[in-house]
């Protein structure tokens, strides 16, 4: 009986000691995990902001492309008109 009680007491002391030792080692790890979680959260916020900026830039690019296409079409019309006027001028010069 005495030997059984001593064994139980020893088991309780070992279990309590192991639990206490594990917590001390976990504190720096828990702190590092908390720090990494904060960094992750701030990185996600930064990524969301960059995604918004990227979407705005894509919209500006598309707007610029449309503007370039419209200006190119206008330039083609002006060049065609210029060529017609050159031909008319050349024809008028020949008649003189």
C-alpha atoms as a PDB file:
ATOM      1  CA  UNK A   1       0.000   0.000   0.000  1.00  0.00           C
ATOM      2  CA  UNK A   2       2.772   2.355   0.940  1.00  0.00           C
ATOM      3  CA  UNK A   3       4.603   1.515  -2.251  1.00  0.00           C
ATOM      4  CA  UNK A   4       1.429   2.121  -4.341  1.00  0.00           C
ATOM      5  CA  UNK A   5       0.814   5.510  -2.714  1.00  0.00           C
ATOM      6  CA  UNK A   6       4.441   6.462  -3.269  1.00  0.00           C
ATOM      7  CA  UNK A   7       4.126   5.490  -6.931  1.00  0.00           C
ATOM      8  CA  UNK A   8       0.981   7.589  -7.348  1.00  0.00           C
ATOM      9  CA  UNK A   9       2.643  10.541  -5.608  1.00  0.00           C
ATOM     10  CA  UNK A  10       5.687  10.214  -7.857  1.00  0.00           C
ATOM     11  CA  UNK A  11       3.479  10.068 -10.945  1.00  0.00           C
ATOM     12  CA  UNK A  12       1.649  13.258  -9.861  1.00  0.00           C
ATOM     13  CA  UNK A  13       4.929  15.117  -9.249  1.00  0.00           C
ATOM     14  CA  UNK A  14       6.324  14.057 -12.639  1.00  0.00           C
ATOM     15  CA  UNK A  15       3.112  15.038 -14.419  1.00  0.00           C
ATOM     16  CA  UNK A  16       2.973  18.430 -12.696  1.00  0.00           C
ATOM     17  CA  UNK A  17       6.648  19.085 -13.432  1.00  0.00           C
ATOM     18  CA  UNK A  18       6.250  18.213 -17.105  1.00  0.00           C
ATOM     19  CA  UNK A  19       3.251  20.494 -17.476  1.00  0.00           C
ATOM     20  CA  UNK A  20       5.131  23.403 -15.928  1.00  0.00           C
ATOM     21  CA  UNK A  21       8.212  22.922 -18.102  1.00  0.00           C
ATOM     22  CA  UNK A  22       6.168  22.816 -21.267  1.00  0.00           C
ATOM     23  CA  UNK A  23       4.539  26.149 -20.567  1.00  0.00           C
ATOM     24  CA  UNK A  24       7.832  27.984 -20.143  1.00  0.00           C
ATOM     25  CA  UNK A  25       9.011  26.756 -23.518  1.00  0.00           C
ATOM     26  CA  UNK A  26       5.728  27.661 -25.176  1.00  0.00           C
ATOM     27  CA  UNK A  27       5.765  31.325 -24.109  1.00  0.00           C
ATOM     28  CA  UNK A  28       8.371  32.467 -26.667  1.00  0.00           C
ATOM     29  CA  UNK A  29       6.684  30.334 -29.303  1.00  0.00           C
ATOM     30  CA  UNK A  30       3.281  31.800 -28.510  1.00  0.00           C
ATOM     31  CA  UNK A  31       4.755  35.289 -28.658  1.00  0.00           C
ATOM     32  CA  UNK A  32       6.361  34.530 -32.032  1.00  0.00           C
ATOM     33  CA  UNK A  33       3.100  33.067 -33.332  1.00  0.00           C
ATOM     34  CA  UNK A  34       1.266  36.207 -32.224  1.00  0.00           C
ATOM     35  CA  UNK A  35       3.852  38.385 -33.936  1.00  0.00           C
ATOM     36  CA  UNK A  36       3.624  36.346 -37.138  1.00  0.00           C
ATOM     37  CA  UNK A  37      -0.179  36.523 -37.073  1.00  0.00           C
ATOM     38  CA  UNK A  38       0.017  40.327 -36.780  1.00  0.00           C
ATOM     39  CA  UNK A  39       2.486  40.461 -39.662  1.00  0.00           C
ATOM     40  CA  UNK A  40       0.213  38.234 -41.724  1.00  0.00           C
ATOM     41  CA  UNK A  41      -2.777  40.459 -41.030  1.00  0.00           C
ATOM     42  CA  UNK A  42      -0.872  43.603 -42.000  1.00  0.00           C
ATOM     43  CA  UNK A  43       0.430  41.871 -45.128  1.00  0.00           C
ATOM     44  CA  UNK A  44      -3.107  40.934 -46.110  1.00  0.00           C
ATOM     45  CA  UNK A  45      -4.236  44.537 -45.643  1.00  0.00           C
ATOM     46  CA  UNK A  46      -1.314  45.733 -47.770  1.00  0.00           C
ATOM     47  CA  UNK A  47      -2.169  43.190 -50.465  1.00  0.00           C
ATOM     48  CA  UNK A  48      -5.799  44.322 -50.492  1.00  0.00           C
ATOM     49  CA  UNK A  49      -4.675  47.939 -50.894  1.00  0.00           C
ATOM     50  CA  UNK A  50      -2.332  46.981 -53.736  1.00  0.00           C
ATOM     51  CA  UNK A  51      -5.131  44.996 -55.378  1.00  0.00           C
ATOM     52  CA  UNK A  52      -7.338  48.103 -55.301  1.00  0.00           C
ATOM     53  CA  UNK A  53      -4.527  50.198 -56.774  1.00  0.00           C
ATOM     54  CA  UNK A  54      -3.977  47.570 -59.444  1.00  0.00           C
ATOM     55  CA  UNK A  55      -7.678  47.552 -60.343  1.00  0.00           C
ATOM     56  CA  UNK A  56      -7.634  51.351 -60.654  1.00  0.00           C
ATOM     57  CA  UNK A  57      -4.549  51.204 -62.860  1.00  0.00           C
ATOM     58  CA  UNK A  58      -6.153  48.540 -65.052  1.00  0.00           C
ATOM     59  CA  UNK A  59      -9.185  50.790 -65.471  1.00  0.00           C
ATOM     60  CA  UNK A  60      -6.937  53.713 -66.450  1.00  0.00           C
ATOM     61  CA  UNK A  61      -5.091  51.519 -68.943  1.00  0.00           C
ATOM     62  CA  UNK A  62      -8.356  50.425 -70.538  1.00  0.00           C
ATOM     63  CA  UNK A  63      -9.529  54.035 -70.691  1.00  0.00           C
ATOM     64  CA  UNK A  64      -6.237  55.052 -72.289  1.00  0.00           C
ATOM     65  CA  UNK A  65      -6.508  52.240 -74.842  1.00  0.00           C
ATOM     66  CA  UNK A  66      -9.987  53.386 -75.792  1.00  0.00           C
ATOM     67  CA  UNK A  67      -8.713  56.963 -76.078  1.00  0.00           C
ATOM     68  CA  UNK A  68      -5.814  55.851 -78.290  1.00  0.00           C
ATOM     69  CA  UNK A  69      -8.192  53.919 -80.550  1.00  0.00           C
ATOM     70  CA  UNK A  70     -10.489  56.923 -80.902  1.00  0.00           C
ATOM     71  CA  UNK A  71      -7.578  59.244 -81.646  1.00  0.00           C
ATOM     72  CA  UNK A  72      -6.143  56.773 -84.157  1.00  0.00           C
ATOM     73  CA  UNK A  73      -9.466  56.608 -85.962  1.00  0.00           C
ATOM     74  CA  UNK A  74      -9.633  60.414 -86.037  1.00  0.00           C
ATOM     75  CA  UNK A  75      -6.051  60.572 -87.359  1.00  0.00           C
ATOM     76  CA  UNK A  76      -6.921  58.166 -90.170  1.00  0.00           C
ATOM     77  CA  UNK A  77      -9.878  60.365 -91.148  1.00  0.00           C
ATOM     78  CA  UNK A  78      -7.705  63.477 -91.138  1.00  0.00           C
ATOM     79  CA  UNK A  79      -5.043  61.774 -93.269  1.00  0.00           C
ATOM     80  CA  UNK A  80      -7.651  60.621 -95.778  1.00  0.00           C
ATOM     81  CA  UNK A  81      -9.039  64.156 -95.980  1.00  0.00           C
ATOM     82  CA  UNK A  82      -5.490  65.533 -96.390  1.00  0.00           C
ATOM     83  CA  UNK A  83      -4.771  63.119 -99.237  1.00  0.00           C
ATOM     84  CA  UNK A  84      -8.004  64.129-101.004  1.00  0.00           C
ATOM     85  CA  UNK A  85      -7.107  67.802-100.666  1.00  0.00           C
ATOM     86  CA  UNK A  86      -3.591  67.126-102.013  1.00  0.00           C
ATOM     87  CA  UNK A  87      -5.088  65.407-105.042  1.00  0.00           C
ATOM     88  CA  UNK A  88      -7.489  68.288-105.624  1.00  0.00           C
ATOM     89  CA  UNK A  89      -4.620  70.787-105.320  1.00  0.00           C
ATOM     90  CA  UNK A  90      -2.500  68.813-107.755  1.00  0.00           C
ATOM     91  CA  UNK A  91      -5.411  68.675-110.203  1.00  0.00           C
ATOM     92  CA  UNK A  92      -5.936  72.455-109.899  1.00  0.00           C
ATOM     93  CA  UNK A  93      -2.230  73.123-110.519  1.00  0.00           C
ATOM     94  CA  UNK A  94      -2.328  71.004-113.708  1.00  0.00           C
ATOM     95  CA  UNK A  95      -5.296  72.980-115.055  1.00  0.00           C
ATOM     96  CA  UNK A  96      -3.413  76.296-114.801  1.00  0.00           C
END
